[in-house]
Amino acid sequence: MLSEITIDISKLTIAGMKTYLFHGPSGSGKDTQVERLMQEYELERIATGEMLRILYEENDPDGLEARQFWSAGKWVPDELTYRMLSKWMERYDTNKNWIFVSAVRAPGQIPF
């Protein structure tokens, strides 16, 4: 069972900009925690799963290519994910603080 975690995110600042990453398996509570933080702080939620689905629905060439991977149960390659993320980030306000949800999409993207 997961225990409740309390974080004072107002103390986490990088050059005046706050960016957070939430990553975990489905059902781990990350979306619940993100919603709470968004309500309390002025954060924009950026979710790569949402990015993949929306770019696919918009018939974006990269979104269509990514669909071939995830529909086969495979990870979308890093290069393609990052190319899509670059386009996706243009939709967000760079003056706001961001919270990334599952931005890491494959093993090996975060060294342990």
PDB file of N, CA and C in Angstrom:
ATOM      1  N   MET A   1       0.841  -1.186   0.000  1.00  0.00           N
ATOM      2  CA  MET A   1       0.000   0.000   0.000  1.00  0.00           C
ATOM      3  C   MET A   1       0.883   1.245   0.000  1.00  0.00           C
ATOM      4  N   LEU A   2       0.511   2.220  -0.798  1.00  0.00           N
ATOM      5  CA  LEU A   2       1.261   3.463  -0.875  1.00  0.00           C
ATOM      6  C   LEU A   2       0.929   4.343   0.313  1.00  0.00           C
ATOM      7  N   SER A   3       1.945   4.963   0.886  1.00  0.00           N
ATOM      8  CA  SER A   3       1.706   5.894   1.975  1.00  0.00           C
ATOM      9  C   SER A   3       1.556   7.294   1.405  1.00  0.00           C
ATOM     10  N   GLU A   4       0.923   8.162   2.154  1.00  0.00           N
ATOM     11  CA  GLU A   4       0.732   9.538   1.699  1.00  0.00           C
ATOM     12  C   GLU A   4       2.052  10.280   1.761  1.00  0.00           C
ATOM     13  N   ILE A   5       2.350  11.032   0.736  1.00  0.00           N
ATOM     14  CA  ILE A   5       3.590  11.796   0.663  1.00  0.00           C
ATOM     15  C   ILE A   5       3.243  13.274   0.648  1.00  0.00           C
ATOM     16  N   THR A   6       3.904  14.044   1.487  1.00  0.00           N
ATOM     17  CA  THR A   6       3.692  15.488   1.522  1.00  0.00           C
ATOM     18  C   THR A   6       4.966  16.171   1.038  1.00  0.00           C
ATOM     19  N   ILE A   7       4.826  17.025   0.047  1.00  0.00           N
ATOM     20  CA  ILE A   7       5.966  17.738  -0.529  1.00  0.00           C
ATOM     21  C   ILE A   7       5.623  19.218  -0.568  1.00  0.00           C
ATOM     22  N   ASP A   8       6.508  20.050  -0.084  1.00  0.00           N
ATOM     23  CA  ASP A   8       6.335  21.492  -0.186  1.00  0.00           C
ATOM     24  C   ASP A   8       7.021  21.937  -1.470  1.00  0.00           C
ATOM     25  N   ILE A   9       6.273  21.949  -2.584  1.00  0.00           N
ATOM     26  CA  ILE A   9       6.887  22.254  -3.865  1.00  0.00           C
ATOM     27  C   ILE A   9       7.264  23.722  -3.996  1.00  0.00           C
ATOM     28  N   SER A  10       6.777  24.578  -3.108  1.00  0.00           N
ATOM     29  CA  SER A  10       7.141  25.991  -3.194  1.00  0.00           C
ATOM     30  C   SER A  10       8.617  26.212  -2.905  1.00  0.00           C
ATOM     31  N   LYS A  11       9.295  25.215  -2.328  1.00  0.00           N
ATOM     32  CA  LYS A  11      10.715  25.340  -2.009  1.00  0.00           C
ATOM     33  C   LYS A  11      11.612  24.766  -3.103  1.00  0.00           C
ATOM     34  N   LEU A  12      11.027  24.180  -4.133  1.00  0.00           N
ATOM     35  CA  LEU A  12      11.798  23.578  -5.213  1.00  0.00           C
ATOM     36  C   LEU A  12      11.797  24.526  -6.408  1.00  0.00           C
ATOM     37  N   THR A  13      12.893  25.235  -6.611  1.00  0.00           N
ATOM     38  CA  THR A  13      12.965  26.224  -7.683  1.00  0.00           C
ATOM     39  C   THR A  13      14.270  26.074  -8.446  1.00  0.00           C
ATOM     40  N   ILE A  14      14.179  26.139  -9.768  1.00  0.00           N
ATOM     41  CA  ILE A  14      15.357  26.130 -10.617  1.00  0.00           C
ATOM     42  C   ILE A  14      15.286  27.376 -11.484  1.00  0.00           C
ATOM     43  N   ALA A  15      16.174  28.318 -11.247  1.00  0.00           N
ATOM     44  CA  ALA A  15      16.249  29.565 -12.025  1.00  0.00           C
ATOM     45  C   ALA A  15      14.884  30.230 -12.164  1.00  0.00           C
ATOM     46  N   GLY A  16      14.108  30.237 -11.112  1.00  0.00           N
ATOM     47  CA  GLY A  16      12.809  30.894 -11.125  1.00  0.00           C
ATOM     48  C   GLY A  16      11.706  30.071 -11.752  1.00  0.00           C
ATOM     49  N   MET A  17      12.047  29.025 -12.448  1.00  0.00           N
ATOM     50  CA  MET A  17      11.066  28.166 -13.112  1.00  0.00           C
ATOM     51  C   MET A  17      10.961  26.855 -12.343  1.00  0.00           C
ATOM     52  N   LYS A  18       9.761  26.398 -12.154  1.00  0.00           N
ATOM     53  CA  LYS A  18       9.563  25.132 -11.457  1.00  0.00           C
ATOM     54  C   LYS A  18       9.062  24.103 -12.457  1.00  0.00           C
ATOM     55  N   THR A  19       9.740  22.986 -12.494  1.00  0.00           N
ATOM     56  CA  THR A  19       9.344  21.879 -13.357  1.00  0.00           C
ATOM     57  C   THR A  19       9.429  20.608 -12.535  1.00  0.00           C
ATOM     58  N   TYR A  20       8.389  19.789 -12.581  1.00  0.00           N
ATOM     59  CA  TYR A  20       8.319  18.577 -11.781  1.00  0.00           C
ATOM     60  C   TYR A  20       8.017  17.397 -12.679  1.00  0.00           C
ATOM     61  N   LEU A  21       8.461  16.237 -12.259  1.00  0.00           N
ATOM     62  CA  LEU A  21       8.229  15.008 -13.006  1.00  0.00           C
ATOM     63  C   LEU A  21       7.567  13.993 -12.097  1.00  0.00           C
ATOM     64  N   PHE A  22       6.431  13.461 -12.540  1.00  0.00           N
ATOM     65  CA  PHE A  22       5.757  12.377 -11.841  1.00  0.00           C
ATOM     66  C   PHE A  22       5.756  11.178 -12.769  1.00  0.00           C
ATOM     67  N   HIS A  23       6.286  10.073 -12.274  1.00  0.00           N
ATOM     68  CA  HIS A  23       6.340   8.871 -13.099  1.00  0.00           C
ATOM     69  C   HIS A  23       6.058   7.665 -12.214  1.00  0.00           C
ATOM     70  N   GLY A  24       5.282   6.763 -12.742  1.00  0.00           N
ATOM     71  CA  GLY A  24       4.972   5.543 -12.006  1.00  0.00           C
ATOM     72  C   GLY A  24       4.018   4.701 -12.808  1.00  0.00           C
ATOM     73  N   PRO A  25       3.800   3.476 -12.364  1.00  0.00           N
ATOM     74  CA  PRO A  25       2.894   2.588 -13.093  1.00  0.00           C
ATOM     75  C   PRO A  25       1.440   3.047 -12.998  1.00  0.00           C
ATOM     76  N   SER A  26       0.626   2.547 -13.895  1.00  0.00           N
ATOM     77  CA  SER A  26      -0.805   2.850 -13.859  1.00  0.00           C
ATOM     78  C   SER A  26      -1.363   2.480 -12.489  1.00  0.00           C
ATOM     79  N   GLY A  27      -2.196   3.353 -11.956  1.00  0.00           N
ATOM     80  CA  GLY A  27      -2.830   3.088 -10.672  1.00  0.00           C
ATOM     81  C   GLY A  27      -1.997   3.467  -9.467  1.00  0.00           C
ATOM     82  N   SER A  28      -0.833   4.080  -9.671  1.00  0.00           N
ATOM     83  CA  SER A  28       0.039   4.425  -8.545  1.00  0.00           C
ATOM     84  C   SER A  28      -0.358   5.732  -7.852  1.00  0.00           C
ATOM     85  N   GLY A  29      -1.286   6.478  -8.444  1.00  0.00           N
ATOM     86  CA  GLY A  29      -1.765   7.704  -7.817  1.00  0.00           C
ATOM     87  C   GLY A  29      -1.138   8.979  -8.341  1.00  0.00           C
ATOM     88  N   LYS A  30      -0.320   8.874  -9.380  1.00  0.00           N
ATOM     89  CA  LYS A  30       0.363  10.073  -9.877  1.00  0.00           C
ATOM     90  C   LYS A  30      -0.626  11.112 -10.400  1.00  0.00           C
ATOM     91  N   ASP A  31      -1.642  10.701 -11.127  1.00  0.00           N
ATOM     92  CA  ASP A  31      -2.614  11.669 -11.647  1.00  0.00           C
ATOM     93  C   ASP A  31      -3.395  12.335 -10.517  1.00  0.00           C
ATOM     94  N   THR A  32      -3.711  11.588  -9.481  1.00  0.00           N
ATOM     95  CA  THR A  32      -4.406  12.152  -8.325  1.00  0.00           C
ATOM     96  C   THR A  32      -3.551  13.214  -7.659  1.00  0.00           C
ATOM     97  N   GLN A  33      -2.270  12.913  -7.464  1.00  0.00           N
ATOM     98  CA  GLN A  33      -1.364  13.878  -6.841  1.00  0.00           C
ATOM     99  C   GLN A  33      -1.172  15.112  -7.723  1.00  0.00           C
ATOM    100  N   VAL A  34      -1.054  14.891  -9.021  1.00  0.00           N
ATOM    101  CA  VAL A  34      -0.884  16.005  -9.952  1.00  0.00           C
ATOM    102  C   VAL A  34      -2.100  16.921  -9.908  1.00  0.00           C
ATOM    103  N   GLU A  35      -3.289  16.363  -9.896  1.00  0.00           N
ATOM    104  CA  GLU A  35      -4.506  17.181  -9.831  1.00  0.00           C
ATOM    105  C   GLU A  35      -4.522  18.032  -8.559  1.00  0.00           C
ATOM    106  N   ARG A  36      -4.119  17.454  -7.451  1.00  0.00           N
ATOM    107  CA  ARG A  36      -4.074  18.211  -6.190  1.00  0.00           C
ATOM    108  C   ARG A  36      -3.075  19.364  -6.283  1.00  0.00           C
ATOM    109  N   LEU A  37      -1.901  19.077  -6.839  1.00  0.00           N
ATOM    110  CA  LEU A  37      -0.884  20.119  -6.965  1.00  0.00           C
ATOM    111  C   LEU A  37      -1.314  21.212  -7.932  1.00  0.00           C
ATOM    112  N   MET A  38      -1.991  20.836  -9.004  1.00  0.00           N
ATOM    113  CA  MET A  38      -2.464  21.828  -9.970  1.00  0.00           C
ATOM    114  C   MET A  38      -3.478  22.767  -9.334  1.00  0.00           C
ATOM    115  N   GLN A  39      -4.302  22.239  -8.456  1.00  0.00           N
ATOM    116  CA  GLN A  39      -5.303  23.064  -7.787  1.00  0.00           C
ATOM    117  C   GLN A  39      -4.663  24.042  -6.802  1.00  0.00           C
ATOM    118  N   GLU A  40      -3.595  23.607  -6.147  1.00  0.00           N
ATOM    119  CA  GLU A  40      -2.966  24.436  -5.126  1.00  0.00           C
ATOM    120  C   GLU A  40      -1.955  25.428  -5.694  1.00  0.00           C
ATOM    121  N   TYR A  41      -1.278  25.028  -6.771  1.00  0.00           N
ATOM    122  CA  TYR A  41      -0.234  25.856  -7.372  1.00  0.00           C
ATOM    123  C   TYR A  41      -0.595  26.113  -8.836  1.00  0.00           C
ATOM    124  N   GLU A  42      -0.014  27.102  -9.417  1.00  0.00           N
ATOM    125  CA  GLU A  42      -0.271  27.400 -10.821  1.00  0.00           C
ATOM    126  C   GLU A  42       0.672  26.566 -11.692  1.00  0.00           C
ATOM    127  N   LEU A  43       0.267  25.354 -11.966  1.00  0.00           N
ATOM    128  CA  LEU A  43       1.075  24.433 -12.760  1.00  0.00           C
ATOM    129  C   LEU A  43       0.316  24.029 -14.013  1.00  0.00           C
ATOM    130  N   GLU A  44       1.042  23.841 -15.090  1.00  0.00           N
ATOM    131  CA  GLU A  44       0.456  23.287 -16.302  1.00  0.00           C
ATOM    132  C   GLU A  44       0.865  21.825 -16.382  1.00  0.00           C
ATOM    133  N   ARG A  45      -0.109  20.964 -16.610  1.00  0.00           N
ATOM    134  CA  ARG A  45       0.120  19.526 -16.692  1.00  0.00           C
ATOM    135  C   ARG A  45       0.519  19.166 -18.117  1.00  0.00           C
ATOM    136  N   ILE A  46       1.638  18.449 -18.243  1.00  0.00           N
ATOM    137  CA  ILE A  46       2.101  17.989 -19.543  1.00  0.00           C
ATOM    138  C   ILE A  46       2.265  16.477 -19.449  1.00  0.00           C
ATOM    139  N   ALA A  47       1.454  15.750 -20.178  1.00  0.00           N
ATOM    140  CA  ALA A  47       1.467  14.293 -20.117  1.00  0.00           C
ATOM    141  C   ALA A  47       1.804  13.718 -21.489  1.00  0.00           C
ATOM    142  N   THR A  48       2.825  12.886 -21.541  1.00  0.00           N
ATOM    143  CA  THR A  48       3.239  12.356 -22.836  1.00  0.00           C
ATOM    144  C   THR A  48       2.216  11.386 -23.413  1.00  0.00           C
ATOM    145  N   GLY A  49       1.502  10.675 -22.573  1.00  0.00           N
ATOM    146  CA  GLY A  49       0.455   9.784 -23.086  1.00  0.00           C
ATOM    147  C   GLY A  49      -0.621  10.577 -23.818  1.00  0.00           C
ATOM    148  N   GLU A  50      -1.014  11.690 -23.217  1.00  0.00           N
ATOM    149  CA  GLU A  50      -1.983  12.587 -23.849  1.00  0.00           C
ATOM    150  C   GLU A  50      -1.415  13.138 -25.160  1.00  0.00           C
ATOM    151  N   MET A  51      -0.128  13.503 -25.138  1.00  0.00           N
ATOM    152  CA  MET A  51       0.532  14.015 -26.333  1.00  0.00           C
ATOM    153  C   MET A  51       0.443  12.996 -27.461  1.00  0.00           C
ATOM    154  N   LEU A  52       0.785  11.748 -27.169  1.00  0.00           N
ATOM    155  CA  LEU A  52       0.752  10.697 -28.191  1.00  0.00           C
ATOM    156  C   LEU A  52      -0.649  10.551 -28.788  1.00  0.00           C
ATOM    157  N   ARG A  53      -1.649  10.481 -27.914  1.00  0.00           N
ATOM    158  CA  ARG A  53      -3.029  10.299 -28.391  1.00  0.00           C
ATOM    159  C   ARG A  53      -3.517  11.484 -29.220  1.00  0.00           C
ATOM    160  N   ILE A  54      -3.272  12.699 -28.735  1.00  0.00           N
ATOM    161  CA  ILE A  54      -3.791  13.881 -29.431  1.00  0.00           C
ATOM    162  C   ILE A  54      -3.086  14.086 -30.768  1.00  0.00           C
ATOM    163  N   LEU A  55      -1.755  13.942 -30.807  1.00  0.00           N
ATOM    164  CA  LEU A  55      -1.064  14.106 -32.084  1.00  0.00           C
ATOM    165  C   LEU A  55      -1.511  13.041 -33.083  1.00  0.00           C
ATOM    166  N   TYR A  56      -1.798  11.852 -32.612  1.00  0.00           N
ATOM    167  CA  TYR A  56      -2.338  10.808 -33.493  1.00  0.00           C
ATOM    168  C   TYR A  56      -3.718  11.232 -34.024  1.00  0.00           C
ATOM    169  N   GLU A  57      -4.587  11.697 -33.116  1.00  0.00           N
ATOM    170  CA  GLU A  57      -5.936  12.125 -33.510  1.00  0.00           C
ATOM    171  C   GLU A  57      -5.908  13.308 -34.477  1.00  0.00           C
ATOM    172  N   GLU A  58      -4.879  14.137 -34.382  1.00  0.00           N
ATOM    173  CA  GLU A  58      -4.733  15.295 -35.274  1.00  0.00           C
ATOM    174  C   GLU A  58      -4.051  14.922 -36.589  1.00  0.00           C
ATOM    175  N   ASN A  59      -3.788  13.643 -36.785  1.00  0.00           N
ATOM    176  CA  ASN A  59      -3.124  13.138 -37.993  1.00  0.00           C
ATOM    177  C   ASN A  59      -1.734  13.727 -38.200  1.00  0.00           C
ATOM    178  N   ASP A  60      -1.082  14.086 -37.102  1.00  0.00           N
ATOM    179  CA  ASP A  60       0.298  14.541 -37.174  1.00  0.00           C
ATOM    180  C   ASP A  60       1.150  13.361 -37.660  1.00  0.00           C
ATOM    181  N   PRO A  61       2.061  13.565 -38.612  1.00  0.00           N
ATOM    182  CA  PRO A  61       2.869  12.451 -39.130  1.00  0.00           C
ATOM    183  C   PRO A  61       3.610  11.676 -38.035  1.00  0.00           C
ATOM    184  N   ASP A  62       4.167  12.389 -37.045  1.00  0.00           N
ATOM    185  CA  ASP A  62       4.851  11.700 -35.951  1.00  0.00           C
ATOM    186  C   ASP A  62       3.865  10.934 -35.077  1.00  0.00           C
ATOM    187  N   GLY A  63       2.690  11.493 -34.879  1.00  0.00           N
ATOM    188  CA  GLY A  63       1.661  10.798 -34.104  1.00  0.00           C
ATOM    189  C   GLY A  63       1.213   9.517 -34.786  1.00  0.00           C
ATOM    190  N   LEU A  64       1.089   9.570 -36.100  1.00  0.00           N
ATOM    191  CA  LEU A  64       0.712   8.372 -36.860  1.00  0.00           C
ATOM    192  C   LEU A  64       1.810   7.315 -36.785  1.00  0.00           C
ATOM    193  N   GLU A  65       3.062   7.756 -36.849  1.00  0.00           N
ATOM    194  CA  GLU A  65       4.180   6.817 -36.736  1.00  0.00           C
ATOM    195  C   GLU A  65       4.236   6.203 -35.331  1.00  0.00           C
ATOM    196  N   ALA A  66       4.032   7.027 -34.310  1.00  0.00           N
ATOM    197  CA  ALA A  66       4.074   6.537 -32.927  1.00  0.00           C
ATOM    198  C   ALA A  66       2.994   5.491 -32.677  1.00  0.00           C
ATOM    199  N   ARG A  67       1.842   5.686 -33.273  1.00  0.00           N
ATOM    200  CA  ARG A  67       0.716   4.751 -33.098  1.00  0.00           C
ATOM    201  C   ARG A  67       1.093   3.341 -33.534  1.00  0.00           C
ATOM    202  N   GLN A  68       1.926   3.230 -34.557  1.00  0.00           N
ATOM    203  CA  GLN A  68       2.359   1.911 -35.031  1.00  0.00           C
ATOM    204  C   GLN A  68       3.094   1.156 -33.929  1.00  0.00           C
ATOM    205  N   PHE A  69       3.826   1.865 -33.102  1.00  0.00           N
ATOM    206  CA  PHE A  69       4.576   1.222 -32.021  1.00  0.00           C
ATOM    207  C   PHE A  69       3.666   0.850 -30.861  1.00  0.00           C
ATOM    208  N   TRP A  70       2.897   1.855 -30.341  1.00  0.00           N
ATOM    209  CA  TRP A  70       2.132   1.549 -29.143  1.00  0.00           C
ATOM    210  C   TRP A  70       0.983   0.598 -29.426  1.00  0.00           C
ATOM    211  N   SER A  71       0.453   0.596 -30.636  1.00  0.00           N
ATOM    212  CA  SER A  71      -0.628  -0.341 -30.945  1.00  0.00           C
ATOM    213  C   SER A  71      -0.115  -1.781 -31.022  1.00  0.00           C
ATOM    214  N   ALA A  72       1.210  -1.916 -31.223  1.00  0.00           N
ATOM    215  CA  ALA A  72       1.842  -3.245 -31.234  1.00  0.00           C
ATOM    216  C   ALA A  72       2.384  -3.609 -29.852  1.00  0.00           C
ATOM    217  N   GLY A  73       2.115  -2.749 -28.852  1.00  0.00           N
ATOM    218  CA  GLY A  73       2.577  -3.018 -27.498  1.00  0.00           C
ATOM    219  C   GLY A  73       4.044  -2.722 -27.280  1.00  0.00           C
ATOM    220  N   LYS A  74       4.616  -1.875 -28.139  1.00  0.00           N
ATOM    221  CA  LYS A  74       6.030  -1.530 -28.036  1.00  0.00           C
ATOM    222  C   LYS A  74       6.182  -0.090 -27.554  1.00  0.00           C
ATOM    223  N   TRP A  75       7.358   0.204 -26.983  1.00  0.00           N
ATOM    224  CA  TRP A  75       7.680   1.572 -26.599  1.00  0.00           C
ATOM    225  C   TRP A  75       7.866   2.410 -27.863  1.00  0.00           C
ATOM    226  N   VAL A  76       7.392   3.640 -27.823  1.00  0.00           N
ATOM    227  CA  VAL A  76       7.673   4.575 -28.903  1.00  0.00           C
ATOM    228  C   VAL A  76       9.147   4.953 -28.755  1.00  0.00           C
ATOM    229  N   PRO A  77       9.948   4.849 -29.823  1.00  0.00           N
ATOM    230  CA  PRO A  77      11.379   5.155 -29.719  1.00  0.00           C
ATOM    231  C   PRO A  77      11.638   6.558 -29.164  1.00  0.00           C
ATOM    232  N   ASP A  78      12.723   6.656 -28.402  1.00  0.00           N
ATOM    233  CA  ASP A  78      13.077   7.934 -27.768  1.00  0.00           C
ATOM    234  C   ASP A  78      13.139   9.079 -28.769  1.00  0.00           C
ATOM    235  N   GLU A  79      13.800   8.855 -29.900  1.00  0.00           N
ATOM    236  CA  GLU A  79      13.974   9.933 -30.876  1.00  0.00           C
ATOM    237  C   GLU A  79      12.627  10.485 -31.338  1.00  0.00           C
ATOM    238  N   LEU A  80      11.689   9.588 -31.589  1.00  0.00           N
ATOM    239  CA  LEU A  80      10.357   9.996 -32.031  1.00  0.00           C
ATOM    240  C   LEU A  80       9.613  10.699 -30.905  1.00  0.00           C
ATOM    241  N   THR A  81       9.695  10.168 -29.703  1.00  0.00           N
ATOM    242  CA  THR A  81       9.030  10.787 -28.553  1.00  0.00           C
ATOM    243  C   THR A  81       9.554  12.197 -28.330  1.00  0.00           C
ATOM    244  N   TYR A  82      10.872  12.376 -28.384  1.00  0.00           N
ATOM    245  CA  TYR A  82      11.444  13.696 -28.147  1.00  0.00           C
ATOM    246  C   TYR A  82      11.105  14.668 -29.275  1.00  0.00           C
ATOM    247  N   ARG A  83      11.048  14.184 -30.492  1.00  0.00           N
ATOM    248  CA  ARG A  83      10.652  15.043 -31.620  1.00  0.00           C
ATOM    249  C   ARG A  83       9.209  15.522 -31.412  1.00  0.00           C
ATOM    250  N   MET A  84       8.350  14.604 -30.979  1.00  0.00           N
ATOM    251  CA  MET A  84       6.960  14.963 -30.730  1.00  0.00           C
ATOM    252  C   MET A  84       6.861  15.929 -29.552  1.00  0.00           C
ATOM    253  N   LEU A  85       7.650  15.672 -28.515  1.00  0.00           N
ATOM    254  CA  LEU A  85       7.607  16.520 -27.328  1.00  0.00           C
ATOM    255  C   LEU A  85       8.033  17.948 -27.660  1.00  0.00           C
ATOM    256  N   SER A  86       9.003  18.103 -28.545  1.00  0.00           N
ATOM    257  CA  SER A  86       9.428  19.448 -28.954  1.00  0.00           C
ATOM    258  C   SER A  86       8.260  20.219 -29.569  1.00  0.00           C
ATOM    259  N   LYS A  87       7.510  19.563 -30.432  1.00  0.00           N
ATOM    260  CA  LYS A  87       6.333  20.217 -31.044  1.00  0.00           C
ATOM    261  C   LYS A  87       5.256  20.472 -29.988  1.00  0.00           C
ATOM    262  N   TRP A  88       5.054  19.491 -29.125  1.00  0.00           N
ATOM    263  CA  TRP A  88       4.002  19.552 -28.116  1.00  0.00           C
ATOM    264  C   TRP A  88       4.233  20.701 -27.137  1.00  0.00           C
ATOM    265  N   MET A  89       5.497  20.935 -26.782  1.00  0.00           N
ATOM    266  CA  MET A  89       5.819  21.971 -25.805  1.00  0.00           C
ATOM    267  C   MET A  89       5.493  23.374 -26.321  1.00  0.00           C
ATOM    268  N   GLU A  90       5.399  23.547 -27.627  1.00  0.00           N
ATOM    269  CA  GLU A  90       5.044  24.846 -28.192  1.00  0.00           C
ATOM    270  C   GLU A  90       3.625  25.259 -27.815  1.00  0.00           C
ATOM    271  N   ARG A  91       2.820  24.316 -27.373  1.00  0.00           N
ATOM    272  CA  ARG A  91       1.428  24.602 -26.995  1.00  0.00           C
ATOM    273  C   ARG A  91       1.308  25.148 -25.574  1.00  0.00           C
ATOM    274  N   TYR A  92       2.401  25.142 -24.824  1.00  0.00           N
ATOM    275  CA  TYR A  92       2.350  25.515 -23.415  1.00  0.00           C
ATOM    276  C   TYR A  92       3.005  26.860 -23.168  1.00  0.00           C
ATOM    277  N   ASP A  93       2.551  27.511 -22.120  1.00  0.00           N
ATOM    278  CA  ASP A  93       3.047  28.820 -21.728  1.00  0.00           C
ATOM    279  C   ASP A  93       4.390  28.653 -21.021  1.00  0.00           C
ATOM    280  N   THR A  94       5.437  29.212 -21.592  1.00  0.00           N
ATOM    281  CA  THR A  94       6.772  29.073 -21.006  1.00  0.00           C
ATOM    282  C   THR A  94       6.951  29.923 -19.759  1.00  0.00           C
ATOM    283  N   ASN A  95       5.983  30.753 -19.443  1.00  0.00           N
ATOM    284  CA  ASN A  95       6.051  31.565 -18.229  1.00  0.00           C
ATOM    285  C   ASN A  95       5.427  30.866 -17.032  1.00  0.00           C
ATOM    286  N   LYS A  96       4.791  29.728 -17.261  1.00  0.00           N
ATOM    287  CA  LYS A  96       4.156  28.987 -16.179  1.00  0.00           C
ATOM    288  C   LYS A  96       5.058  27.852 -15.720  1.00  0.00           C
ATOM    289  N   ASN A  97       4.781  27.363 -14.549  1.00  0.00           N
ATOM    290  CA  ASN A  97       5.478  26.200 -14.016  1.00  0.00           C
ATOM    291  C   ASN A  97       4.825  24.946 -14.586  1.00  0.00           C
ATOM    292  N   TRP A  98       5.628  23.956 -14.870  1.00  0.00           N
ATOM    293  CA  TRP A  98       5.134  22.740 -15.520  1.00  0.00           C
ATOM    294  C   TRP A  98       5.241  21.544 -14.602  1.00  0.00           C
ATOM    295  N   ILE A  99       4.327  20.618 -14.807  1.00  0.00           N
ATOM    296  CA  ILE A  99       4.399  19.333 -14.124  1.00  0.00           C
ATOM    297  C   ILE A  99       4.250  18.256 -15.192  1.00  0.00           C
ATOM    298  N   PHE A 100       5.286  17.467 -15.361  1.00  0.00           N
ATOM    299  CA  PHE A 100       5.291  16.393 -16.356  1.00  0.00           C
ATOM    300  C   PHE A 100       4.761  15.116 -15.722  1.00  0.00           C
ATOM    301  N   VAL A 101       3.882  14.445 -16.450  1.00  0.00           N
ATOM    302  CA  VAL A 101       3.347  13.161 -15.991  1.00  0.00           C
ATOM    303  C   VAL A 101       3.798  12.095 -16.974  1.00  0.00           C
ATOM    304  N   SER A 102       4.551  11.146 -16.472  1.00  0.00           N
ATOM    305  CA  SER A 102       5.063  10.027 -17.271  1.00  0.00           C
ATOM    306  C   SER A 102       5.814  10.508 -18.508  1.00  0.00           C
ATOM    307  N   ALA A 103       6.648  11.515 -18.321  1.00  0.00           N
ATOM    308  CA  ALA A 103       7.444  12.004 -19.444  1.00  0.00           C
ATOM    309  C   ALA A 103       8.513  10.996 -19.847  1.00  0.00           C
ATOM    310  N   VAL A 104       8.921  10.171 -18.907  1.00  0.00           N
ATOM    311  CA  VAL A 104       9.873   9.095 -19.210  1.00  0.00           C
ATOM    312  C   VAL A 104       9.046   7.932 -19.734  1.00  0.00           C
ATOM    313  N   ARG A 105       9.342   7.496 -20.937  1.00  0.00           N
ATOM    314  CA  ARG A 105       8.484   6.510 -21.584  1.00  0.00           C
ATOM    315  C   ARG A 105       9.116   5.129 -21.734  1.00  0.00           C
ATOM    316  N   ALA A 106      10.403   5.003 -21.448  1.00  0.00           N
ATOM    317  CA  ALA A 106      11.064   3.722 -21.690  1.00  0.00           C
ATOM    318  C   ALA A 106      12.161   3.477 -20.664  1.00  0.00           C
ATOM    319  N   PRO A 107      12.450   2.205 -20.390  1.00  0.00           N
ATOM    320  CA  PRO A 107      13.565   1.896 -19.493  1.00  0.00           C
ATOM    321  C   PRO A 107      14.855   2.476 -20.047  1.00  0.00           C
ATOM    322  N   GLY A 108      15.721   2.941 -19.173  1.00  0.00           N
ATOM    323  CA  GLY A 108      16.999   3.471 -19.602  1.00  0.00           C
ATOM    324  C   GLY A 108      17.015   4.976 -19.784  1.00  0.00           C
ATOM    325  N   GLN A 109      15.851   5.639 -19.774  1.00  0.00           N
ATOM    326  CA  GLN A 109      15.833   7.088 -19.944  1.00  0.00           C
ATOM    327  C   GLN A 109      16.260   7.817 -18.668  1.00  0.00           C
ATOM    328  N   ILE A 110      16.171   7.143 -17.533  1.00  0.00           N
ATOM    329  CA  ILE A 110      16.642   7.707 -16.284  1.00  0.00           C
ATOM    330  C   ILE A 110      17.684   6.758 -15.725  1.00  0.00           C
ATOM    331  N   PRO A 111      18.928   7.221 -15.580  1.00  0.00           N
ATOM    332  CA  PRO A 111      19.949   6.331 -15.007  1.00  0.00           C
ATOM    333  C   PRO A 111      19.716   6.142 -13.513  1.00  0.00           C
ATOM    334  N   PHE A 112      19.861   4.941 -13.034  1.00  0.00           N
ATOM    335  CA  PHE A 112      19.705   4.643 -11.604  1.00  0.00           C
ATOM    336  C   PHE A 112      21.036   4.305 -11.002  1.00  0.00           C
TER     337      PHE A 112
END
